Amino acid sequence: MRGSSPFPSGWIVTPMVNVRGGIEDIELFRMRTDGSGLHRLTKGPGNVTDPFFAPNGRRVVFARTSRGLFSIGLDGSGLHQLTLLKGDEHPVYSPDGKRIAFVRGDRLWVMQSDGSRQRLLRRAPRVGARPSWSPDGRKIAVERGESAADFLYTLDARTGRVLKRVLLIDGDLAGGSFSGALLAPNGRTVVFEAYRPTPPDCKGIECDVYALYRRPLARGIASTRVVCNDCSALAWSADSRVLLIARQNGNLELRVVRDGRTKVVDVHGEQLRGMPTLQPR
């Protein structure tokens, strides 16, 4: 999947507006990282959200509004319903592909990848954003806002017990984050969104500006760096070198985190909705 280029060349799976019989809904589509090969994967009642690739790159887990969690093959075959509750969201495969962490209400749950053995992590704090697994599958990271600060919690994947809490955002970053923190697959770096300093002489919504920040999680390292202004992190590449990001104008880009090189993903004017997922291999 990779030659000399640092950019992955596999598939992106994304929720996208689909018009059928004059009715507009949101379904899953796949496309190559250059925008080619656009193909619809799902068809059904309720909008699709929160896709996430299995580690082998062959299946995708996702949520469907008012129906629960499902998995499907990359070719659109093998649809399987995993849960039945309409509030289930943010499903994420473990690194070995055997388990899925997800959010039910505002609580963290884990199940087997076939939907069996669903269990609440009772000791975990309440969450509302996508969780992230550690590389060894023993821990789960979640973001949680508290007062005027946001923290990244590292939890025991069996019980939800808090193992570590890292401050991501405080008053110095002008008011908190926009969305959940996204942990790199290697477990060494986290990216998150926060407001950036207001431009001079701005008016109205022009003052509402933000940036994507990157922070290493090594002990003793607390510095943050700006990855890009007015952009959102959607997914990491499997090697933790490249981020799939969304620009304010709706365009997608692949961005090498270390040096800022970018590759535009041509979405051909299609209307994307929610967070895409990037094929890991």
C-alpha atoms as a PDB file:
ATOM      1  CA  MET A   1       0.000   0.000   0.000  1.00  0.00           C
ATOM      2  CA  ARG A   2       2.996   2.300   0.256  1.00  0.00           C
ATOM      3  CA  GLY A   3       5.876   3.035  -2.070  1.00  0.00           C
ATOM      4  CA  SER A   4       8.282   5.901  -1.491  1.00  0.00           C
ATOM      5  CA  SER A   5       5.396   8.200  -0.585  1.00  0.00           C
ATOM      6  CA  PRO A   6       4.563   8.615   3.110  1.00  0.00           C
ATOM      7  CA  PHE A   7       0.861   8.802   2.252  1.00  0.00           C
ATOM      8  CA  PRO A   8      -1.326   5.689   2.568  1.00  0.00           C
ATOM      9  CA  SER A   9      -2.862   4.560  -0.714  1.00  0.00           C
ATOM     10  CA  GLY A  10      -5.721   2.374   0.500  1.00  0.00           C
ATOM     11  CA  TRP A  11      -9.343   3.184   1.209  1.00  0.00           C
ATOM     12  CA  ILE A  12     -11.238   5.852   3.113  1.00  0.00           C
ATOM     13  CA  VAL A  13     -14.728   4.951   4.366  1.00  0.00           C
ATOM     14  CA  THR A  14     -16.892   7.937   5.166  1.00  0.00           C
ATOM     15  CA  PRO A  15     -20.513   8.897   5.890  1.00  0.00           C
ATOM     16  CA  MET A  16     -21.842  10.831   2.916  1.00  0.00           C
ATOM     17  CA  VAL A  17     -25.132  12.393   1.862  1.00  0.00           C
ATOM     18  CA  ASN A  18     -27.099  10.017  -0.356  1.00  0.00           C
ATOM     19  CA  VAL A  19     -30.241  11.001  -2.285  1.00  0.00           C
ATOM     20  CA  ARG A  20     -32.660   8.160  -2.967  1.00  0.00           C
ATOM     21  CA  GLY A  21     -36.148   8.709  -4.391  1.00  0.00           C
ATOM     22  CA  GLY A  22     -35.991  12.375  -3.525  1.00  0.00           C
ATOM     23  CA  ILE A  23     -35.163  11.566   0.115  1.00  0.00           C
ATOM     24  CA  GLU A  24     -31.806  12.623   1.541  1.00  0.00           C
ATOM     25  CA  ASP A  25     -30.066  10.388   4.060  1.00  0.00           C
ATOM     26  CA  ILE A  26     -26.508   9.553   5.130  1.00  0.00           C
ATOM     27  CA  GLU A  27     -24.891   6.257   4.100  1.00  0.00           C
ATOM     28  CA  LEU A  28     -21.381   4.804   4.099  1.00  0.00           C
ATOM     29  CA  PHE A  29     -19.237   5.204   0.990  1.00  0.00           C
ATOM     30  CA  ARG A  30     -15.698   4.107   0.229  1.00  0.00           C
ATOM     31  CA  MET A  31     -13.121   5.912  -1.887  1.00  0.00           C
ATOM     32  CA  ARG A  32      -9.408   5.668  -2.534  1.00  0.00           C
ATOM     33  CA  THR A  33      -7.143   8.187  -0.818  1.00  0.00           C
ATOM     34  CA  ASP A  34      -6.959  10.069  -4.148  1.00  0.00           C
ATOM     35  CA  GLY A  35     -10.777  10.248  -4.289  1.00  0.00           C
ATOM     36  CA  SER A  36     -11.206   7.564  -6.974  1.00  0.00           C
ATOM     37  CA  GLY A  37     -13.350   4.429  -6.746  1.00  0.00           C
ATOM     38  CA  LEU A  38     -16.319   6.045  -5.005  1.00  0.00           C
ATOM     39  CA  HIS A  39     -18.837   3.332  -4.077  1.00  0.00           C
ATOM     40  CA  ARG A  40     -21.796   3.164  -1.676  1.00  0.00           C
ATOM     41  CA  LEU A  41     -21.558   0.388   0.944  1.00  0.00           C
ATOM     42  CA  THR A  42     -24.793   0.653   2.932  1.00  0.00           C
ATOM     43  CA  LYS A  43     -28.498   1.108   2.317  1.00  0.00           C
ATOM     44  CA  GLY A  44     -31.143   1.282   4.995  1.00  0.00           C
ATOM     45  CA  PRO A  45     -33.285   3.366   7.329  1.00  0.00           C
ATOM     46  CA  GLY A  46     -31.599   5.857   9.624  1.00  0.00           C
ATOM     47  CA  ASN A  47     -28.402   7.818   9.109  1.00  0.00           C
ATOM     48  CA  VAL A  48     -24.983   6.182   9.381  1.00  0.00           C
ATOM     49  CA  THR A  49     -22.249   7.603  11.655  1.00  0.00           C
ATOM     50  CA  ASP A  50     -18.934   6.739  13.320  1.00  0.00           C
ATOM     51  CA  PRO A  51     -17.262   4.250  10.922  1.00  0.00           C
ATOM     52  CA  PHE A  52     -14.026   2.597  12.079  1.00  0.00           C
ATOM     53  CA  PHE A  53     -11.851   0.034  10.253  1.00  0.00           C
ATOM     54  CA  ALA A  54     -10.934  -3.353  11.680  1.00  0.00           C
ATOM     55  CA  PRO A  55      -7.138  -3.792  12.024  1.00  0.00           C
ATOM     56  CA  ASN A  56      -7.003  -6.120   9.003  1.00  0.00           C
ATOM     57  CA  GLY A  57      -8.672  -3.428   6.850  1.00  0.00           C
ATOM     58  CA  ARG A  58     -11.395  -5.806   5.641  1.00  0.00           C
ATOM     59  CA  ARG A  59     -14.405  -4.747   7.734  1.00  0.00           C
ATOM     60  CA  VAL A  60     -15.848  -1.530   9.123  1.00  0.00           C
ATOM     61  CA  VAL A  61     -17.907  -1.064  12.271  1.00  0.00           C
ATOM     62  CA  PHE A  62     -20.417   1.815  12.364  1.00  0.00           C
ATOM     63  CA  ALA A  63     -23.514   3.199  14.088  1.00  0.00           C
ATOM     64  CA  ARG A  64     -26.919   3.663  12.492  1.00  0.00           C
ATOM     65  CA  THR A  65     -29.272   6.212  14.041  1.00  0.00           C
ATOM     66  CA  SER A  66     -32.032   4.588  16.117  1.00  0.00           C
ATOM     67  CA  ARG A  67     -30.863   1.056  15.288  1.00  0.00           C
ATOM     68  CA  GLY A  68     -27.536   0.311  17.030  1.00  0.00           C
ATOM     69  CA  LEU A  69     -24.081  -0.797  15.882  1.00  0.00           C
ATOM     70  CA  PHE A  70     -23.250  -2.829  12.764  1.00  0.00           C
ATOM     71  CA  SER A  71     -20.238  -4.182  10.912  1.00  0.00           C
ATOM     72  CA  ILE A  72     -19.851  -4.635   7.160  1.00  0.00           C
ATOM     73  CA  GLY A  73     -17.256  -5.843   4.678  1.00  0.00           C
ATOM     74  CA  LEU A  74     -15.261  -3.334   2.646  1.00  0.00           C
ATOM     75  CA  ASP A  75     -17.051  -4.581  -0.478  1.00  0.00           C
ATOM     76  CA  GLY A  76     -20.481  -3.965   1.101  1.00  0.00           C
ATOM     77  CA  SER A  77     -21.149  -7.636   1.891  1.00  0.00           C
ATOM     78  CA  GLY A  78     -21.588  -9.416   5.211  1.00  0.00           C
ATOM     79  CA  LEU A  79     -23.675  -6.824   7.068  1.00  0.00           C
ATOM     80  CA  HIS A  80     -23.995  -7.879  10.712  1.00  0.00           C
ATOM     81  CA  GLN A  81     -25.910  -6.146  13.502  1.00  0.00           C
ATOM     82  CA  LEU A  82     -23.918  -6.033  16.736  1.00  0.00           C
ATOM     83  CA  THR A  83     -26.176  -4.123  19.162  1.00  0.00           C
ATOM     84  CA  LEU A  84     -29.854  -3.186  19.282  1.00  0.00           C
ATOM     85  CA  LEU A  85     -29.896   0.070  21.279  1.00  0.00           C
ATOM     86  CA  LYS A  86     -30.337   3.319  19.366  1.00  0.00           C
ATOM     87  CA  GLY A  87     -28.009   5.302  21.647  1.00  0.00           C
ATOM     88  CA  ASP A  88     -24.907   3.218  20.885  1.00  0.00           C
ATOM     89  CA  GLU A  89     -22.135   5.167  19.148  1.00  0.00           C
ATOM     90  CA  HIS A  90     -18.369   5.648  18.645  1.00  0.00           C
ATOM     91  CA  PRO A  91     -17.404   1.961  18.101  1.00  0.00           C
ATOM     92  CA  VAL A  92     -13.638   1.285  17.865  1.00  0.00           C
ATOM     93  CA  TYR A  93     -11.880  -2.043  17.222  1.00  0.00           C
ATOM     94  CA  SER A  94      -9.098  -3.154  19.547  1.00  0.00           C
ATOM     95  CA  PRO A  95      -5.643  -3.556  17.923  1.00  0.00           C
ATOM     96  CA  ASP A  96      -6.100  -7.341  17.638  1.00  0.00           C
ATOM     97  CA  GLY A  97      -9.601  -6.950  16.175  1.00  0.00           C
ATOM     98  CA  LYS A  98     -11.190  -9.189  18.814  1.00  0.00           C
ATOM     99  CA  ARG A  99     -13.027  -6.500  20.816  1.00  0.00           C
ATOM    100  CA  ILE A 100     -14.896  -3.271  20.204  1.00  0.00           C
ATOM    101  CA  ALA A 101     -15.101  -0.374  22.648  1.00  0.00           C
ATOM    102  CA  PHE A 102     -18.159   1.855  22.270  1.00  0.00           C
ATOM    103  CA  VAL A 103     -20.225   4.488  24.050  1.00  0.00           C
ATOM    104  CA  ARG A 104     -23.748   3.766  25.277  1.00  0.00           C
ATOM    105  CA  GLY A 105     -25.377   6.888  26.659  1.00  0.00           C
ATOM    106  CA  ASP A 106     -22.353   8.485  28.271  1.00  0.00           C
ATOM    107  CA  ARG A 107     -20.797   5.250  29.556  1.00  0.00           C
ATOM    108  CA  LEU A 108     -17.954   3.189  28.134  1.00  0.00           C
ATOM    109  CA  TRP A 109     -18.698  -0.409  27.097  1.00  0.00           C
ATOM    110  CA  VAL A 110     -16.650  -3.243  25.559  1.00  0.00           C
ATOM    111  CA  MET A 111     -17.877  -6.265  23.574  1.00  0.00           C
ATOM    112  CA  GLN A 112     -16.478  -9.019  21.383  1.00  0.00           C
ATOM    113  CA  SER A 113     -16.215  -8.106  17.705  1.00  0.00           C
ATOM    114  CA  ASP A 114     -19.258 -10.285  16.902  1.00  0.00           C
ATOM    115  CA  GLY A 115     -21.410  -8.295  19.363  1.00  0.00           C
ATOM    116  CA  SER A 116     -21.355 -10.868  22.153  1.00  0.00           C
ATOM    117  CA  ARG A 117     -20.336 -10.374  25.817  1.00  0.00           C
ATOM    118  CA  GLN A 118     -21.355  -6.711  26.041  1.00  0.00           C
ATOM    119  CA  ARG A 119     -20.244  -5.275  29.368  1.00  0.00           C
ATOM    120  CA  LEU A 120     -20.111  -1.891  31.021  1.00  0.00           C
ATOM    121  CA  LEU A 121     -16.756  -0.662  32.342  1.00  0.00           C
ATOM    122  CA  ARG A 122     -18.260   0.441  35.636  1.00  0.00           C
ATOM    123  CA  ARG A 123     -15.174   2.220  36.962  1.00  0.00           C
ATOM    124  CA  ALA A 124     -14.701   4.365  33.859  1.00  0.00           C
ATOM    125  CA  PRO A 125     -15.619   8.080  33.963  1.00  0.00           C
ATOM    126  CA  ARG A 126     -18.523   9.279  31.867  1.00  0.00           C
ATOM    127  CA  VAL A 127     -17.542  10.027  28.267  1.00  0.00           C
ATOM    128  CA  GLY A 128     -19.090  11.436  25.106  1.00  0.00           C
ATOM    129  CA  ALA A 129     -16.449  11.073  22.404  1.00  0.00           C
ATOM    130  CA  ARG A 130     -14.662   8.312  20.517  1.00  0.00           C
ATOM    131  CA  PRO A 131     -12.333   6.205  22.696  1.00  0.00           C
ATOM    132  CA  SER A 132      -8.861   5.062  21.594  1.00  0.00           C
ATOM    133  CA  TRP A 133      -7.073   1.786  22.374  1.00  0.00           C
ATOM    134  CA  SER A 134      -3.451   1.484  23.479  1.00  0.00           C
ATOM    135  CA  PRO A 135      -1.200  -0.526  21.107  1.00  0.00           C
ATOM    136  CA  ASP A 136      -1.222  -3.569  23.426  1.00  0.00           C
ATOM    137  CA  GLY A 137      -5.016  -3.516  23.859  1.00  0.00           C
ATOM    138  CA  ARG A 138      -4.762  -3.366  27.646  1.00  0.00           C
ATOM    139  CA  LYS A 139      -5.807   0.277  28.032  1.00  0.00           C
ATOM    140  CA  ILE A 140      -8.380   2.647  26.585  1.00  0.00           C
ATOM    141  CA  ALA A 141      -7.946   6.427  26.373  1.00  0.00           C
ATOM    142  CA  VAL A 142     -10.876   8.822  26.591  1.00  0.00           C
ATOM    143  CA  GLU A 143     -11.210  12.588  26.798  1.00  0.00           C
ATOM    144  CA  ARG A 144     -13.232  14.163  29.582  1.00  0.00           C
ATOM    145  CA  GLY A 145     -13.922  17.827  30.250  1.00  0.00           C
ATOM    146  CA  GLU A 146     -13.898  19.060  33.818  1.00  0.00           C
ATOM    147  CA  SER A 147     -14.698  22.684  34.695  1.00  0.00           C
ATOM    148  CA  ALA A 148     -12.410  24.848  32.535  1.00  0.00           C
ATOM    149  CA  ALA A 149     -10.019  22.042  31.573  1.00  0.00           C
ATOM    150  CA  ASP A 150      -9.933  18.896  29.423  1.00  0.00           C
ATOM    151  CA  PHE A 151      -8.063  15.741  30.377  1.00  0.00           C
ATOM    152  CA  LEU A 152      -7.007  12.548  28.614  1.00  0.00           C
ATOM    153  CA  TYR A 153      -7.782   9.569  30.838  1.00  0.00           C
ATOM    154  CA  THR A 154      -6.024   6.235  30.433  1.00  0.00           C
ATOM    155  CA  LEU A 155      -8.226   3.390  31.681  1.00  0.00           C
ATOM    156  CA  ASP A 156      -7.842  -0.309  32.369  1.00  0.00           C
ATOM    157  CA  ALA A 157      -9.613  -1.977  29.416  1.00  0.00           C
ATOM    158  CA  ARG A 158     -11.044  -4.721  31.682  1.00  0.00           C
ATOM    159  CA  THR A 159     -12.519  -2.601  34.477  1.00  0.00           C
ATOM    160  CA  GLY A 160     -12.402   1.052  33.409  1.00  0.00           C
ATOM    161  CA  ARG A 161     -10.198   1.903  36.407  1.00  0.00           C
ATOM    162  CA  VAL A 162      -8.361   5.197  35.882  1.00  0.00           C
ATOM    163  CA  LEU A 163      -4.636   4.556  35.457  1.00  0.00           C
ATOM    164  CA  LYS A 164      -3.492   8.028  34.431  1.00  0.00           C
ATOM    165  CA  ARG A 165      -4.866  11.512  33.835  1.00  0.00           C
ATOM    166  CA  VAL A 166      -3.093  14.014  31.558  1.00  0.00           C
ATOM    167  CA  LEU A 167      -4.103  17.667  31.264  1.00  0.00           C
ATOM    168  CA  LEU A 168      -4.638  18.566  27.612  1.00  0.00           C
ATOM    169  CA  ILE A 169      -6.358  21.928  27.716  1.00  0.00           C
ATOM    170  CA  ASP A 170      -6.715  24.625  30.343  1.00  0.00           C
ATOM    171  CA  GLY A 171      -7.430  28.336  30.346  1.00  0.00           C
ATOM    172  CA  ASP A 172      -4.177  29.013  28.476  1.00  0.00           C
ATOM    173  CA  LEU A 173      -5.780  27.611  25.319  1.00  0.00           C
ATOM    174  CA  ALA A 174      -8.703  29.997  25.516  1.00  0.00           C
ATOM    175  CA  GLY A 175     -11.730  28.014  26.414  1.00  0.00           C
ATOM    176  CA  GLY A 176     -11.548  24.289  25.834  1.00  0.00           C
ATOM    177  CA  SER A 177     -11.705  21.751  23.043  1.00  0.00           C
ATOM    178  CA  PHE A 178     -14.066  21.215  20.114  1.00  0.00           C
ATOM    179  CA  SER A 179     -13.945  17.440  19.900  1.00  0.00           C
ATOM    180  CA  GLY A 180     -12.510  14.289  21.405  1.00  0.00           C
ATOM    181  CA  ALA A 181      -8.798  13.709  21.567  1.00  0.00           C
ATOM    182  CA  LEU A 182      -7.387  11.288  18.980  1.00  0.00           C
ATOM    183  CA  LEU A 183      -4.599   9.011  20.185  1.00  0.00           C
ATOM    184  CA  ALA A 184      -2.047   7.818  17.621  1.00  0.00           C
ATOM    185  CA  PRO A 185      -1.941   4.034  17.055  1.00  0.00           C
ATOM    186  CA  ASN A 186       1.564   3.897  18.579  1.00  0.00           C
ATOM    187  CA  GLY A 187       0.196   5.446  21.786  1.00  0.00           C
ATOM    188  CA  ARG A 188       2.861   8.153  21.866  1.00  0.00           C
ATOM    189  CA  THR A 189       1.031  11.230  20.619  1.00  0.00           C
ATOM    190  CA  VAL A 190      -2.408  12.756  20.953  1.00  0.00           C
ATOM    191  CA  VAL A 191      -4.020  15.429  18.780  1.00  0.00           C
ATOM    192  CA  PHE A 192      -6.943  17.585  19.857  1.00  0.00           C
ATOM    193  CA  GLU A 193      -8.782  20.740  18.839  1.00  0.00           C
ATOM    194  CA  ALA A 194      -8.865  23.960  20.861  1.00  0.00           C
ATOM    195  CA  TYR A 195      -9.467  27.625  20.294  1.00  0.00           C
ATOM    196  CA  ARG A 196      -6.471  29.636  19.146  1.00  0.00           C
ATOM    197  CA  PRO A 197      -5.788  33.332  19.814  1.00  0.00           C
ATOM    198  CA  THR A 198      -8.391  35.639  18.295  1.00  0.00           C
ATOM    199  CA  PRO A 199      -7.241  37.476  15.128  1.00  0.00           C
ATOM    200  CA  PRO A 200      -6.855  41.234  15.566  1.00  0.00           C
ATOM    201  CA  ASP A 201      -9.868  43.405  14.655  1.00  0.00           C
ATOM    202  CA  CYS A 202     -12.097  40.372  14.047  1.00  0.00           C
ATOM    203  CA  LYS A 203     -15.891  40.632  14.126  1.00  0.00           C
ATOM    204  CA  GLY A 204     -18.617  38.105  14.864  1.00  0.00           C
ATOM    205  CA  ILE A 205     -17.978  34.529  13.798  1.00  0.00           C
ATOM    206  CA  GLU A 206     -14.551  35.526  12.461  1.00  0.00           C
ATOM    207  CA  CYS A 207     -13.394  35.551  16.081  1.00  0.00           C
ATOM    208  CA  ASP A 208     -14.339  31.890  16.542  1.00  0.00           C
ATOM    209  CA  VAL A 209     -11.080  30.340  15.325  1.00  0.00           C
ATOM    210  CA  TYR A 210      -9.405  27.118  16.341  1.00  0.00           C
ATOM    211  CA  ALA A 211      -6.383  24.939  15.671  1.00  0.00           C
ATOM    212  CA  LEU A 212      -5.387  21.301  15.769  1.00  0.00           C
ATOM    213  CA  TYR A 213      -2.778  20.731  18.468  1.00  0.00           C
ATOM    214  CA  ARG A 214      -0.359  17.835  18.906  1.00  0.00           C
ATOM    215  CA  ARG A 215       1.107  16.721  22.205  1.00  0.00           C
ATOM    216  CA  PRO A 216       3.605  13.911  22.918  1.00  0.00           C
ATOM    217  CA  LEU A 217       2.681  11.792  25.916  1.00  0.00           C
ATOM    218  CA  ALA A 218       6.190  10.914  27.087  1.00  0.00           C
ATOM    219  CA  ARG A 219       6.782  11.619  30.754  1.00  0.00           C
ATOM    220  CA  GLY A 220       8.145  15.088  31.360  1.00  0.00           C
ATOM    221  CA  ILE A 221       7.141  16.393  27.916  1.00  0.00           C
ATOM    222  CA  ALA A 222       4.244  18.823  28.162  1.00  0.00           C
ATOM    223  CA  SER A 223       4.691  21.005  25.092  1.00  0.00           C
ATOM    224  CA  THR A 224       1.987  21.318  22.455  1.00  0.00           C
ATOM    225  CA  ARG A 225       2.463  22.206  18.795  1.00  0.00           C
ATOM    226  CA  VAL A 226       0.000  23.425  16.211  1.00  0.00           C
ATOM    227  CA  VAL A 227      -0.546  20.935  13.379  1.00  0.00           C
ATOM    228  CA  CYS A 228      -2.757  23.275  11.338  1.00  0.00           C
ATOM    229  CA  ASN A 229      -5.204  26.132  11.810  1.00  0.00           C
ATOM    230  CA  ASP A 230      -8.958  25.742  11.251  1.00  0.00           C
ATOM    231  CA  CYS A 231      -8.776  22.002  10.620  1.00  0.00           C
ATOM    232  CA  SER A 232     -10.069  18.840  12.328  1.00  0.00           C
ATOM    233  CA  ALA A 233      -8.374  15.486  12.870  1.00  0.00           C
ATOM    234  CA  LEU A 234     -10.385  12.557  11.501  1.00  0.00           C
ATOM    235  CA  ALA A 235      -8.075   9.538  11.562  1.00  0.00           C
ATOM    236  CA  TRP A 236      -4.446   8.433  11.916  1.00  0.00           C
ATOM    237  CA  SER A 237      -2.572   6.235   9.480  1.00  0.00           C
ATOM    238  CA  ALA A 238      -1.539   2.878  10.938  1.00  0.00           C
ATOM    239  CA  ASP A 239       2.109   3.979  11.256  1.00  0.00           C
ATOM    240  CA  SER A 240       1.157   7.159  13.183  1.00  0.00           C
ATOM    241  CA  ARG A 241       2.910   9.337  10.592  1.00  0.00           C
ATOM    242  CA  VAL A 242      -0.044  10.795   8.695  1.00  0.00           C
ATOM    243  CA  LEU A 243      -3.334  12.385   9.742  1.00  0.00           C
ATOM    244  CA  LEU A 244      -6.506  12.528   7.689  1.00  0.00           C
ATOM    245  CA  ILE A 245      -7.844  16.021   8.338  1.00  0.00           C
ATOM    246  CA  ALA A 246     -10.871  18.085   7.338  1.00  0.00           C
ATOM    247  CA  ARG A 247     -10.563  21.723   6.365  1.00  0.00           C
ATOM    248  CA  GLN A 248     -13.130  24.347   7.260  1.00  0.00           C
ATOM    249  CA  ASN A 249     -14.289  24.414   3.630  1.00  0.00           C
ATOM    250  CA  GLY A 250     -15.124  20.684   3.745  1.00  0.00           C
ATOM    251  CA  ASN A 251     -12.057  19.466   1.835  1.00  0.00           C
ATOM    252  CA  LEU A 252     -10.083  16.439   3.019  1.00  0.00           C
ATOM    253  CA  GLU A 253      -6.284  16.263   3.235  1.00  0.00           C
ATOM    254  CA  LEU A 254      -3.672  13.735   4.249  1.00  0.00           C
ATOM    255  CA  ARG A 255      -0.994  15.513   6.279  1.00  0.00           C
ATOM    256  CA  VAL A 256       2.418  14.251   7.388  1.00  0.00           C
ATOM    257  CA  VAL A 257       2.572  15.312  11.028  1.00  0.00           C
ATOM    258  CA  ARG A 258       6.340  15.752  11.278  1.00  0.00           C
ATOM    259  CA  ASP A 259       6.961  18.046   8.294  1.00  0.00           C
ATOM    260  CA  GLY A 260       3.510  19.268   7.196  1.00  0.00           C
ATOM    261  CA  ARG A 261       3.500  17.786   3.690  1.00  0.00           C
ATOM    262  CA  THR A 262      -0.072  17.436   2.424  1.00  0.00           C
ATOM    263  CA  LYS A 263      -2.032  15.535  -0.189  1.00  0.00           C
ATOM    264  CA  VAL A 264      -5.550  16.652  -1.142  1.00  0.00           C
ATOM    265  CA  VAL A 265      -8.260  13.981  -1.256  1.00  0.00           C
ATOM    266  CA  ASP A 266     -10.578  14.891  -4.126  1.00  0.00           C
ATOM    267  CA  VAL A 267     -14.159  14.305  -2.925  1.00  0.00           C
ATOM    268  CA  HIS A 268     -15.623  15.589  -6.221  1.00  0.00           C
ATOM    269  CA  GLY A 269     -17.996  17.976  -4.493  1.00  0.00           C
ATOM    270  CA  GLU A 270     -19.731  15.234  -2.510  1.00  0.00           C
ATOM    271  CA  GLN A 271     -21.205  16.155   0.876  1.00  0.00           C
ATOM    272  CA  LEU A 272     -19.311  14.354   3.630  1.00  0.00           C
ATOM    273  CA  ARG A 273     -20.813  14.032   7.101  1.00  0.00           C
ATOM    274  CA  GLY A 274     -19.090  13.019  10.329  1.00  0.00           C
ATOM    275  CA  MET A 275     -15.715  11.322  10.782  1.00  0.00           C
ATOM    276  CA  PRO A 276     -14.232   9.133   8.019  1.00  0.00           C
ATOM    277  CA  THR A 277     -11.967   6.200   8.827  1.00  0.00           C
ATOM    278  CA  LEU A 278      -8.669   5.343   7.119  1.00  0.00           C
ATOM    279  CA  GLN A 279      -7.811   1.784   6.098  1.00  0.00           C
ATOM    280  CA  PRO A 280      -4.919   0.553   8.270  1.00  0.00           C
ATOM    281  CA  ARG A 281      -3.389  -1.828   5.707  1.00  0.00           C
END
